[in-house]
Amino acid sequence: MDESITYIKKIMQNWEDSVLAYLPDVFLAIVILILFILLAKFVRRITLKFYAKNIKVHPEIASIIASIIFFFFILSGVFLALQILGLEGVLTKMLAGAGIVGIVAGFAFKDIASNLFAGLFLKMHHPFKKGDWVNIDNSYGVVEELGWITTTINTVPGQEVFVPNQLIYNSTFTNFSTSHKRRIILESGVSYGDDLEHVKSVALDEVKKIEELLPNEKMDFFFTKIGNSAYNFQLRFWIKFNSNDDFQKAMSDIIIRVKKRFEQENISIAYPVTTLDFGVKGGVNLFDRDIILKS
């Protein structure tokens, strides 16, 4: 019993001596760590002020750079404190473990990292912004949010589509709001018997009456093909574009106007049906007219 008590006292004495001998190193390590934390905060603040004063663009880049510098000083303080405490072995194991974890995380979070970098490039390049009408990965709509991982699009049918940012940079996309104008392209055809010059003149005259028309932009009318039962044409003009409603309204208006004017001018819009050409102009549709056969 006496031997056990003596042994315990010896252990306690050794522990006390070790703690007293170790306290200066612990105190110094804590001081070093605190100093590095304060230094990290100071350098981060200076970096943000310098960036805001001299560069003044892409503030999110300044935040990323400042955060990297901050964590660099923090890690440096931790490593130095561990060395002061004589825990180099722990430091070595931490570095080795960090390397293994980094490799595993690299494979596990590869797509997330790609999306983050793509989001960073999007915020730097600004190919589109909130409120722009875009077509990304066959999703047409207005940009609701440009995030670090995904870009949110509110489509015309009313659904929210979340497009991964890396997909945007891996494929082509269209921003319809960049120039605040958009081209209307109407394709149709007229019968063989119509005067083509008259058709062109009438169609261009109706374009001039479109409310959204940009009069200083070029209007085009081209006959594009001699089809099986029609002369196909393409009518093109520019309109003011702020939203998809502008495009839809202009397209609807030109279709209505062309149809009405063609009817007034006795111009026949070609239909994809078989016609019998009993007359000089346009043929006779078996379902539209009575055919009188003379013996």
C-alpha atoms as a PDB file:
ATOM      1  CA  MET A   1       0.000   0.000   0.000  1.00  0.00           C
ATOM      2  CA  ASP A   2       2.812   2.365   0.934  1.00  0.00           C
ATOM      3  CA  GLU A   3       4.608   1.557  -2.308  1.00  0.00           C
ATOM      4  CA  SER A   4       1.486   2.416  -4.335  1.00  0.00           C
ATOM      5  CA  ILE A   5       1.103   5.757  -2.598  1.00  0.00           C
ATOM      6  CA  THR A   6       4.769   6.537  -3.156  1.00  0.00           C
ATOM      7  CA  TYR A   7       4.457   5.644  -6.837  1.00  0.00           C
ATOM      8  CA  ILE A   8       1.421   7.898  -7.261  1.00  0.00           C
ATOM      9  CA  LYS A   9       3.196  10.769  -5.515  1.00  0.00           C
ATOM     10  CA  LYS A  10       6.164  10.296  -7.824  1.00  0.00           C
ATOM     11  CA  ILE A  11       3.922  10.409 -10.883  1.00  0.00           C
ATOM     12  CA  MET A  12       2.172  13.552  -9.650  1.00  0.00           C
ATOM     13  CA  GLN A  13       5.530  15.197  -8.928  1.00  0.00           C
ATOM     14  CA  ASN A  14       6.794  14.351 -12.409  1.00  0.00           C
ATOM     15  CA  TRP A  15       3.569  15.656 -13.944  1.00  0.00           C
ATOM     16  CA  GLU A  16       3.844  18.878 -11.956  1.00  0.00           C
ATOM     17  CA  ASP A  17       7.455  19.343 -12.995  1.00  0.00           C
ATOM     18  CA  SER A  18       6.551  18.675 -16.629  1.00  0.00           C
ATOM     19  CA  VAL A  19       3.649  21.138 -16.579  1.00  0.00           C
ATOM     20  CA  LEU A  20       5.793  23.846 -14.966  1.00  0.00           C
ATOM     21  CA  ALA A  21       8.537  23.244 -17.486  1.00  0.00           C
ATOM     22  CA  TYR A  22       6.054  23.237 -20.351  1.00  0.00           C
ATOM     23  CA  LEU A  23       4.116  26.365 -19.339  1.00  0.00           C
ATOM     24  CA  PRO A  24       6.521  28.901 -20.927  1.00  0.00           C
ATOM     25  CA  ASP A  25       6.280  27.096 -24.269  1.00  0.00           C
ATOM     26  CA  VAL A  26       2.481  26.947 -24.004  1.00  0.00           C
ATOM     27  CA  PHE A  27       2.340  30.655 -23.147  1.00  0.00           C
ATOM     28  CA  LEU A  28       4.673  31.531 -26.036  1.00  0.00           C
ATOM     29  CA  ALA A  29       2.667  29.369 -28.464  1.00  0.00           C
ATOM     30  CA  ILE A  30      -0.579  31.097 -27.418  1.00  0.00           C
ATOM     31  CA  VAL A  31       1.023  34.529 -27.820  1.00  0.00           C
ATOM     32  CA  ILE A  32       2.342  33.614 -31.287  1.00  0.00           C
ATOM     33  CA  LEU A  33      -1.076  32.293 -32.341  1.00  0.00           C
ATOM     34  CA  ILE A  34      -2.846  35.440 -31.124  1.00  0.00           C
ATOM     35  CA  LEU A  35      -0.307  37.657 -32.900  1.00  0.00           C
ATOM     36  CA  PHE A  36      -0.811  35.777 -36.182  1.00  0.00           C
ATOM     37  CA  ILE A  37      -4.611  36.044 -35.840  1.00  0.00           C
ATOM     38  CA  LEU A  38      -4.345  39.801 -35.323  1.00  0.00           C
ATOM     39  CA  LEU A  39      -1.866  40.059 -38.197  1.00  0.00           C
ATOM     40  CA  ALA A  40      -4.198  38.050 -40.463  1.00  0.00           C
ATOM     41  CA  LYS A  41      -7.119  40.376 -39.690  1.00  0.00           C
ATOM     42  CA  PHE A  42      -4.955  43.443 -40.269  1.00  0.00           C
ATOM     43  CA  VAL A  43      -3.611  42.199 -43.606  1.00  0.00           C
ATOM     44  CA  ARG A  44      -7.121  41.221 -44.763  1.00  0.00           C
ATOM     45  CA  ARG A  45      -8.426  44.700 -43.913  1.00  0.00           C
ATOM     46  CA  ILE A  46      -5.504  46.390 -45.686  1.00  0.00           C
ATOM     47  CA  THR A  47      -5.994  44.173 -48.757  1.00  0.00           C
ATOM     48  CA  LEU A  48      -9.696  45.058 -49.012  1.00  0.00           C
ATOM     49  CA  LYS A  49      -8.984  48.787 -48.636  1.00  0.00           C
ATOM     50  CA  PHE A  50      -6.182  48.698 -51.225  1.00  0.00           C
ATOM     51  CA  TYR A  51      -8.360  46.798 -53.716  1.00  0.00           C
ATOM     52  CA  ALA A  52     -11.338  49.110 -53.201  1.00  0.00           C
ATOM     53  CA  LYS A  53      -9.170  52.219 -53.586  1.00  0.00           C
ATOM     54  CA  ASN A  54      -7.030  51.242 -56.574  1.00  0.00           C
ATOM     55  CA  ILE A  55      -8.883  48.577 -58.581  1.00  0.00           C
ATOM     56  CA  LYS A  56     -12.559  49.215 -57.738  1.00  0.00           C
ATOM     57  CA  VAL A  57     -13.959  46.387 -59.881  1.00  0.00           C
ATOM     58  CA  HIS A  58     -15.153  42.892 -59.025  1.00  0.00           C
ATOM     59  CA  PRO A  59     -15.329  43.263 -55.217  1.00  0.00           C
ATOM     60  CA  GLU A  60     -15.978  39.518 -54.919  1.00  0.00           C
ATOM     61  CA  ILE A  61     -12.419  38.921 -56.188  1.00  0.00           C
ATOM     62  CA  ALA A  62     -11.071  41.124 -53.392  1.00  0.00           C
ATOM     63  CA  SER A  63     -12.988  39.080 -50.826  1.00  0.00           C
ATOM     64  CA  ILE A  64     -11.547  35.827 -52.166  1.00  0.00           C
ATOM     65  CA  ILE A  65      -7.976  37.159 -52.191  1.00  0.00           C
ATOM     66  CA  ALA A  66      -8.349  38.613 -48.690  1.00  0.00           C
ATOM     67  CA  SER A  67      -9.767  35.316 -47.386  1.00  0.00           C
ATOM     68  CA  ILE A  68      -6.876  33.336 -48.881  1.00  0.00           C
ATOM     69  CA  ILE A  69      -4.342  35.680 -47.234  1.00  0.00           C
ATOM     70  CA  PHE A  70      -6.230  35.498 -43.917  1.00  0.00           C
ATOM     71  CA  PHE A  71      -6.207  31.693 -43.825  1.00  0.00           C
ATOM     72  CA  PHE A  72      -2.548  31.619 -44.870  1.00  0.00           C
ATOM     73  CA  PHE A  73      -1.539  33.673 -41.814  1.00  0.00           C
ATOM     74  CA  ILE A  74      -3.804  31.647 -39.517  1.00  0.00           C
ATOM     75  CA  LEU A  75      -2.299  28.347 -40.698  1.00  0.00           C
ATOM     76  CA  SER A  76       1.196  29.791 -40.410  1.00  0.00           C
ATOM     77  CA  GLY A  77       0.485  30.753 -36.790  1.00  0.00           C
ATOM     78  CA  VAL A  78      -0.878  27.287 -35.992  1.00  0.00           C
ATOM     79  CA  PHE A  79       2.128  25.527 -37.513  1.00  0.00           C
ATOM     80  CA  LEU A  80       4.595  27.806 -35.688  1.00  0.00           C
ATOM     81  CA  ALA A  81       2.777  27.293 -32.394  1.00  0.00           C
ATOM     82  CA  LEU A  82       2.948  23.511 -32.832  1.00  0.00           C
ATOM     83  CA  GLN A  83       6.669  23.707 -33.502  1.00  0.00           C
ATOM     84  CA  ILE A  84       7.215  25.747 -30.332  1.00  0.00           C
ATOM     85  CA  LEU A  85       5.362  23.087 -28.378  1.00  0.00           C
ATOM     86  CA  GLY A  86       7.543  20.399 -29.918  1.00  0.00           C
ATOM     87  CA  LEU A  87       4.690  18.774 -31.730  1.00  0.00           C
ATOM     88  CA  GLU A  88       6.424  18.490 -35.099  1.00  0.00           C
ATOM     89  CA  GLY A  89       5.195  14.928 -35.363  1.00  0.00           C
ATOM     90  CA  VAL A  90       1.623  16.074 -35.044  1.00  0.00           C
ATOM     91  CA  LEU A  91       2.358  18.763 -37.631  1.00  0.00           C
ATOM     92  CA  THR A  92       3.768  16.179 -40.040  1.00  0.00           C
ATOM     93  CA  LYS A  93       0.756  13.924 -39.582  1.00  0.00           C
ATOM     94  CA  MET A  94      -1.565  16.896 -40.099  1.00  0.00           C
ATOM     95  CA  LEU A  95       0.162  17.788 -43.371  1.00  0.00           C
ATOM     96  CA  ALA A  96       0.079  14.178 -44.555  1.00  0.00           C
ATOM     97  CA  GLY A  97      -3.554  13.841 -43.573  1.00  0.00           C
ATOM     98  CA  ALA A  98      -4.367  17.124 -45.285  1.00  0.00           C
ATOM     99  CA  GLY A  99      -2.745  15.835 -48.471  1.00  0.00           C
ATOM    100  CA  ILE A 100      -4.798  12.637 -48.434  1.00  0.00           C
ATOM    101  CA  VAL A 101      -7.969  14.522 -47.574  1.00  0.00           C
ATOM    102  CA  GLY A 102      -7.182  16.990 -50.351  1.00  0.00           C
ATOM    103  CA  ILE A 103      -6.879  14.210 -52.927  1.00  0.00           C
ATOM    104  CA  VAL A 104     -10.133  12.582 -51.802  1.00  0.00           C
ATOM    105  CA  ALA A 105     -11.914  15.936 -51.678  1.00  0.00           C
ATOM    106  CA  GLY A 106     -10.554  16.791 -55.121  1.00  0.00           C
ATOM    107  CA  PHE A 107     -12.329  13.790 -56.625  1.00  0.00           C
ATOM    108  CA  ALA A 108     -15.446  14.160 -54.498  1.00  0.00           C
ATOM    109  CA  PHE A 109     -15.955  17.876 -55.052  1.00  0.00           C
ATOM    110  CA  LYS A 110     -14.563  18.182 -58.586  1.00  0.00           C
ATOM    111  CA  ASP A 111     -17.883  19.316 -60.063  1.00  0.00           C
ATOM    112  CA  ILE A 112     -18.525  21.727 -57.201  1.00  0.00           C
ATOM    113  CA  ALA A 113     -15.083  23.272 -57.673  1.00  0.00           C
ATOM    114  CA  SER A 114     -15.681  23.561 -61.427  1.00  0.00           C
ATOM    115  CA  ASN A 115     -18.984  25.311 -60.801  1.00  0.00           C
ATOM    116  CA  LEU A 116     -17.343  27.656 -58.282  1.00  0.00           C
ATOM    117  CA  PHE A 117     -14.624  28.685 -60.712  1.00  0.00           C
ATOM    118  CA  ALA A 118     -17.183  29.064 -63.489  1.00  0.00           C
ATOM    119  CA  GLY A 119     -19.284  31.232 -61.172  1.00  0.00           C
ATOM    120  CA  LEU A 120     -16.200  33.332 -60.442  1.00  0.00           C
ATOM    121  CA  PHE A 121     -15.558  33.825 -64.174  1.00  0.00           C
ATOM    122  CA  LEU A 122     -19.201  34.738 -64.738  1.00  0.00           C
ATOM    123  CA  LYS A 123     -19.038  37.398 -62.046  1.00  0.00           C
ATOM    124  CA  MET A 124     -15.801  38.737 -63.536  1.00  0.00           C
ATOM    125  CA  HIS A 125     -16.871  38.672 -67.189  1.00  0.00           C
ATOM    126  CA  HIS A 126     -20.551  39.610 -66.721  1.00  0.00           C
ATOM    127  CA  PRO A 127     -21.891  37.982 -69.926  1.00  0.00           C
ATOM    128  CA  PHE A 128     -25.359  38.469 -68.461  1.00  0.00           C
ATOM    129  CA  LYS A 129     -26.960  39.883 -65.344  1.00  0.00           C
ATOM    130  CA  LYS A 130     -30.168  39.576 -63.375  1.00  0.00           C
ATOM    131  CA  GLY A 131     -33.131  40.506 -65.557  1.00  0.00           C
ATOM    132  CA  ASP A 132     -31.505  39.571 -68.885  1.00  0.00           C
ATOM    133  CA  TRP A 133     -33.307  37.263 -71.314  1.00  0.00           C
ATOM    134  CA  VAL A 134     -31.038  34.342 -72.160  1.00  0.00           C
ATOM    135  CA  ASN A 135     -31.051  30.918 -73.758  1.00  0.00           C
ATOM    136  CA  ILE A 136     -28.770  28.556 -71.833  1.00  0.00           C
ATOM    137  CA  ASP A 137     -28.735  24.798 -72.404  1.00  0.00           C
ATOM    138  CA  ASN A 138     -32.068  25.065 -74.277  1.00  0.00           C
ATOM    139  CA  SER A 139     -33.621  26.929 -71.337  1.00  0.00           C
ATOM    140  CA  TYR A 140     -35.057  30.253 -72.525  1.00  0.00           C
ATOM    141  CA  GLY A 141     -36.080  32.794 -69.927  1.00  0.00           C
ATOM    142  CA  VAL A 142     -35.044  35.666 -67.686  1.00  0.00           C
ATOM    143  CA  VAL A 143     -32.092  35.417 -65.276  1.00  0.00           C
ATOM    144  CA  GLU A 144     -33.330  35.457 -61.689  1.00  0.00           C
ATOM    145  CA  GLU A 145     -30.058  34.894 -59.835  1.00  0.00           C
ATOM    146  CA  LEU A 146     -26.398  34.411 -60.692  1.00  0.00           C
ATOM    147  CA  GLY A 147     -24.997  32.235 -57.906  1.00  0.00           C
ATOM    148  CA  TRP A 148     -21.594  30.694 -57.268  1.00  0.00           C
ATOM    149  CA  ILE A 149     -22.797  27.169 -58.110  1.00  0.00           C
ATOM    150  CA  THR A 150     -25.825  27.613 -60.378  1.00  0.00           C
ATOM    151  CA  THR A 151     -27.603  30.263 -62.412  1.00  0.00           C
ATOM    152  CA  THR A 152     -31.369  30.461 -61.934  1.00  0.00           C
ATOM    153  CA  ILE A 153     -33.566  31.085 -64.987  1.00  0.00           C
ATOM    154  CA  ASN A 154     -37.295  31.757 -64.884  1.00  0.00           C
ATOM    155  CA  THR A 155     -38.539  30.255 -68.145  1.00  0.00           C
ATOM    156  CA  VAL A 156     -41.457  31.469 -70.258  1.00  0.00           C
ATOM    157  CA  PRO A 157     -43.757  28.621 -69.043  1.00  0.00           C
ATOM    158  CA  GLY A 158     -43.066  29.806 -65.479  1.00  0.00           C
ATOM    159  CA  GLN A 159     -40.665  27.161 -64.156  1.00  0.00           C
ATOM    160  CA  GLU A 160     -37.387  27.924 -62.394  1.00  0.00           C
ATOM    161  CA  VAL A 161     -34.447  26.172 -64.028  1.00  0.00           C
ATOM    162  CA  PHE A 162     -31.120  25.846 -62.207  1.00  0.00           C
ATOM    163  CA  VAL A 163     -28.243  25.636 -64.681  1.00  0.00           C
ATOM    164  CA  PRO A 164     -24.803  24.546 -63.328  1.00  0.00           C
ATOM    165  CA  ASN A 165     -22.290  27.302 -63.998  1.00  0.00           C
ATOM    166  CA  GLN A 166     -19.715  24.975 -65.533  1.00  0.00           C
ATOM    167  CA  LEU A 167     -22.307  23.992 -68.153  1.00  0.00           C
ATOM    168  CA  ILE A 168     -22.542  27.640 -69.226  1.00  0.00           C
ATOM    169  CA  TYR A 169     -18.829  27.808 -70.007  1.00  0.00           C
ATOM    170  CA  ASN A 170     -18.784  24.361 -71.604  1.00  0.00           C
ATOM    171  CA  SER A 171     -21.385  25.281 -74.230  1.00  0.00           C
ATOM    172  CA  THR A 172     -22.720  28.271 -76.126  1.00  0.00           C
ATOM    173  CA  PHE A 173     -25.411  30.528 -74.735  1.00  0.00           C
ATOM    174  CA  THR A 174     -27.298  33.551 -76.036  1.00  0.00           C
ATOM    175  CA  ASN A 175     -28.052  36.840 -74.283  1.00  0.00           C
ATOM    176  CA  PHE A 176     -30.977  38.584 -75.999  1.00  0.00           C
ATOM    177  CA  SER A 177     -30.818  41.663 -73.755  1.00  0.00           C
ATOM    178  CA  THR A 178     -27.296  42.830 -74.564  1.00  0.00           C
ATOM    179  CA  SER A 179     -28.253  45.234 -77.374  1.00  0.00           C
ATOM    180  CA  HIS A 180     -31.890  45.799 -76.283  1.00  0.00           C
ATOM    181  CA  LYS A 181     -33.045  44.816 -79.749  1.00  0.00           C
ATOM    182  CA  ARG A 182     -34.048  41.585 -81.449  1.00  0.00           C
ATOM    183  CA  ARG A 183     -34.707  40.460 -84.983  1.00  0.00           C
ATOM    184  CA  ILE A 184     -38.059  39.162 -86.135  1.00  0.00           C
ATOM    185  CA  ILE A 185     -37.786  36.551 -88.886  1.00  0.00           C
ATOM    186  CA  LEU A 186     -41.080  35.582 -90.538  1.00  0.00           C
ATOM    187  CA  GLU A 187     -41.038  32.758 -93.056  1.00  0.00           C
ATOM    188  CA  SER A 188     -43.913  31.933 -95.374  1.00  0.00           C
ATOM    189  CA  GLY A 189     -44.710  31.530 -99.074  1.00  0.00           C
ATOM    190  CA  VAL A 190     -46.969  32.769-101.850  1.00  0.00           C
ATOM    191  CA  SER A 191     -48.472  31.046-104.864  1.00  0.00           C
ATOM    192  CA  TYR A 192     -46.854  30.752-108.282  1.00  0.00           C
ATOM    193  CA  GLY A 193     -49.291  33.199-109.816  1.00  0.00           C
ATOM    194  CA  ASP A 194     -48.481  36.187-107.594  1.00  0.00           C
ATOM    195  CA  ASP A 195     -46.391  39.190-108.614  1.00  0.00           C
ATOM    196  CA  LEU A 196     -43.245  38.745-106.514  1.00  0.00           C
ATOM    197  CA  GLU A 197     -42.233  42.407-106.605  1.00  0.00           C
ATOM    198  CA  HIS A 198     -45.713  43.349-105.393  1.00  0.00           C
ATOM    199  CA  VAL A 199     -45.512  40.753-102.603  1.00  0.00           C
ATOM    200  CA  LYS A 200     -42.207  42.217-101.424  1.00  0.00           C
ATOM    201  CA  SER A 201     -43.493  45.811-101.509  1.00  0.00           C
ATOM    202  CA  VAL A 202     -46.680  44.954 -99.596  1.00  0.00           C
ATOM    203  CA  ALA A 203     -44.845  42.961 -96.897  1.00  0.00           C
ATOM    204  CA  LEU A 204     -42.267  45.710 -96.259  1.00  0.00           C
ATOM    205  CA  ASP A 205     -45.017  48.311 -96.131  1.00  0.00           C
ATOM    206  CA  GLU A 206     -46.758  46.385 -93.345  1.00  0.00           C
ATOM    207  CA  VAL A 207     -43.506  46.110 -91.375  1.00  0.00           C
ATOM    208  CA  LYS A 208     -43.353  49.905 -91.129  1.00  0.00           C
ATOM    209  CA  LYS A 209     -46.618  49.872 -89.151  1.00  0.00           C
ATOM    210  CA  ILE A 210     -45.290  47.635 -86.354  1.00  0.00           C
ATOM    211  CA  GLU A 211     -45.281  49.537 -83.046  1.00  0.00           C
ATOM    212  CA  GLU A 212     -42.050  47.989 -81.730  1.00  0.00           C
ATOM    213  CA  LEU A 213     -40.154  48.524 -84.999  1.00  0.00           C
ATOM    214  CA  LEU A 214     -36.707  50.138 -84.928  1.00  0.00           C
ATOM    215  CA  PRO A 215     -36.978  52.316 -88.064  1.00  0.00           C
ATOM    216  CA  ASN A 216     -33.255  53.028 -88.292  1.00  0.00           C
ATOM    217  CA  GLU A 217     -32.408  49.338 -88.558  1.00  0.00           C
ATOM    218  CA  LYS A 218     -32.421  47.520 -91.864  1.00  0.00           C
ATOM    219  CA  MET A 219     -35.530  45.679 -93.094  1.00  0.00           C
ATOM    220  CA  ASP A 220     -34.990  42.694 -95.388  1.00  0.00           C
ATOM    221  CA  PHE A 221     -37.215  40.673 -97.677  1.00  0.00           C
ATOM    222  CA  PHE A 222     -35.815  37.709 -99.606  1.00  0.00           C
ATOM    223  CA  PHE A 223     -37.350  34.962-101.653  1.00  0.00           C
ATOM    224  CA  THR A 224     -35.459  31.925-100.411  1.00  0.00           C
ATOM    225  CA  LYS A 225     -36.737  28.963-102.382  1.00  0.00           C
ATOM    226  CA  ILE A 226     -38.984  27.799-105.208  1.00  0.00           C
ATOM    227  CA  GLY A 227     -40.959  25.155-103.400  1.00  0.00           C
ATOM    228  CA  ASN A 228     -43.219  22.403-104.677  1.00  0.00           C
ATOM    229  CA  SER A 229     -46.251  24.678-104.608  1.00  0.00           C
ATOM    230  CA  ALA A 230     -44.992  28.123-103.546  1.00  0.00           C
ATOM    231  CA  TYR A 231     -42.325  30.797-103.658  1.00  0.00           C
ATOM    232  CA  ASN A 232     -40.951  30.770-100.106  1.00  0.00           C
ATOM    233  CA  PHE A 233     -39.862  34.076 -98.606  1.00  0.00           C
ATOM    234  CA  GLN A 234     -38.232  35.438 -95.458  1.00  0.00           C
ATOM    235  CA  LEU A 235     -39.185  38.793 -93.921  1.00  0.00           C
ATOM    236  CA  ARG A 236     -36.741  40.247 -91.376  1.00  0.00           C
ATOM    237  CA  PHE A 237     -36.735  43.394 -89.255  1.00  0.00           C
ATOM    238  CA  TRP A 238     -35.505  44.661 -85.868  1.00  0.00           C
ATOM    239  CA  ILE A 239     -37.618  45.587 -82.853  1.00  0.00           C
ATOM    240  CA  LYS A 240     -37.045  47.091 -79.403  1.00  0.00           C
ATOM    241  CA  PHE A 241     -36.516  44.261 -76.963  1.00  0.00           C
ATOM    242  CA  ASN A 242     -36.921  44.525 -73.210  1.00  0.00           C
ATOM    243  CA  SER A 243     -38.826  41.316 -72.543  1.00  0.00           C
ATOM    244  CA  ASN A 244     -40.148  38.287 -74.368  1.00  0.00           C
ATOM    245  CA  ASP A 245     -43.554  39.987 -74.644  1.00  0.00           C
ATOM    246  CA  ASP A 246     -42.034  42.517 -77.068  1.00  0.00           C
ATOM    247  CA  PHE A 247     -40.900  39.712 -79.344  1.00  0.00           C
ATOM    248  CA  GLN A 248     -44.163  37.770 -79.167  1.00  0.00           C
ATOM    249  CA  LYS A 249     -46.294  40.864 -79.762  1.00  0.00           C
ATOM    250  CA  ALA A 250     -44.265  41.969 -82.786  1.00  0.00           C
ATOM    251  CA  MET A 251     -44.368  38.480 -84.302  1.00  0.00           C
ATOM    252  CA  SER A 252     -48.124  38.256 -83.754  1.00  0.00           C
ATOM    253  CA  ASP A 253     -48.708  41.727 -85.204  1.00  0.00           C
ATOM    254  CA  ILE A 254     -46.748  41.102 -88.390  1.00  0.00           C
ATOM    255  CA  ILE A 255     -48.516  37.774 -88.984  1.00  0.00           C
ATOM    256  CA  ILE A 256     -51.943  39.438 -88.612  1.00  0.00           C
ATOM    257  CA  ARG A 257     -50.976  42.411 -90.762  1.00  0.00           C
ATOM    258  CA  VAL A 258     -49.447  40.346 -93.556  1.00  0.00           C
ATOM    259  CA  LYS A 259     -52.452  38.030 -93.700  1.00  0.00           C
ATOM    260  CA  LYS A 260     -54.976  40.886 -93.850  1.00  0.00           C
ATOM    261  CA  ARG A 261     -52.974  42.893 -96.382  1.00  0.00           C
ATOM    262  CA  PHE A 262     -52.383  39.887 -98.606  1.00  0.00           C
ATOM    263  CA  GLU A 263     -56.107  39.233 -98.639  1.00  0.00           C
ATOM    264  CA  GLN A 264     -56.773  42.876 -99.605  1.00  0.00           C
ATOM    265  CA  GLU A 265     -54.151  42.727-102.371  1.00  0.00           C
ATOM    266  CA  ASN A 266     -55.431  39.351-103.612  1.00  0.00           C
ATOM    267  CA  ILE A 267     -52.109  37.693-102.773  1.00  0.00           C
ATOM    268  CA  SER A 268     -52.421  33.985-102.014  1.00  0.00           C
ATOM    269  CA  ILE A 269     -50.502  32.552 -99.074  1.00  0.00           C
ATOM    270  CA  ALA A 270     -49.431  29.050-100.042  1.00  0.00           C
ATOM    271  CA  TYR A 271     -50.929  26.186 -98.049  1.00  0.00           C
ATOM    272  CA  PRO A 272     -49.391  22.725 -97.749  1.00  0.00           C
ATOM    273  CA  VAL A 273     -52.236  21.059 -99.701  1.00  0.00           C
ATOM    274  CA  THR A 274     -52.553  19.779-103.231  1.00  0.00           C
ATOM    275  CA  THR A 275     -54.051  22.269-105.698  1.00  0.00           C
ATOM    276  CA  LEU A 276     -55.326  21.892-109.261  1.00  0.00           C
ATOM    277  CA  ASP A 277     -54.115  24.739-111.449  1.00  0.00           C
ATOM    278  CA  PHE A 278     -57.280  25.455-113.490  1.00  0.00           C
ATOM    279  CA  GLY A 279     -56.688  29.187-113.337  1.00  0.00           C
ATOM    280  CA  VAL A 280     -53.848  31.494-114.196  1.00  0.00           C
ATOM    281  CA  LYS A 281     -53.217  32.390-110.583  1.00  0.00           C
ATOM    282  CA  GLY A 282     -52.771  30.209-107.558  1.00  0.00           C
ATOM    283  CA  GLY A 283     -54.729  27.172-108.682  1.00  0.00           C
ATOM    284  CA  VAL A 284     -58.078  26.040-107.337  1.00  0.00           C
ATOM    285  CA  ASN A 285     -58.334  24.423-103.921  1.00  0.00           C
ATOM    286  CA  LEU A 286     -60.829  21.563-104.032  1.00  0.00           C
ATOM    287  CA  PHE A 287     -62.026  22.389-100.500  1.00  0.00           C
ATOM    288  CA  ASP A 288     -62.397  26.164-100.978  1.00  0.00           C
ATOM    289  CA  ARG A 289     -64.200  26.583-104.307  1.00  0.00           C
ATOM    290  CA  ASP A 290     -66.874  24.922-106.366  1.00  0.00           C
ATOM    291  CA  ILE A 291     -65.479  23.562-109.606  1.00  0.00           C
ATOM    292  CA  ILE A 292     -67.765  23.862-112.604  1.00  0.00           C
ATOM    293  CA  LEU A 293     -66.943  21.437-115.313  1.00  0.00           C
ATOM    294  CA  LYS A 294     -68.051  22.342-118.810  1.00  0.00           C
ATOM    295  CA  SER A 295     -68.608  19.683-121.343  1.00  0.00           C
END
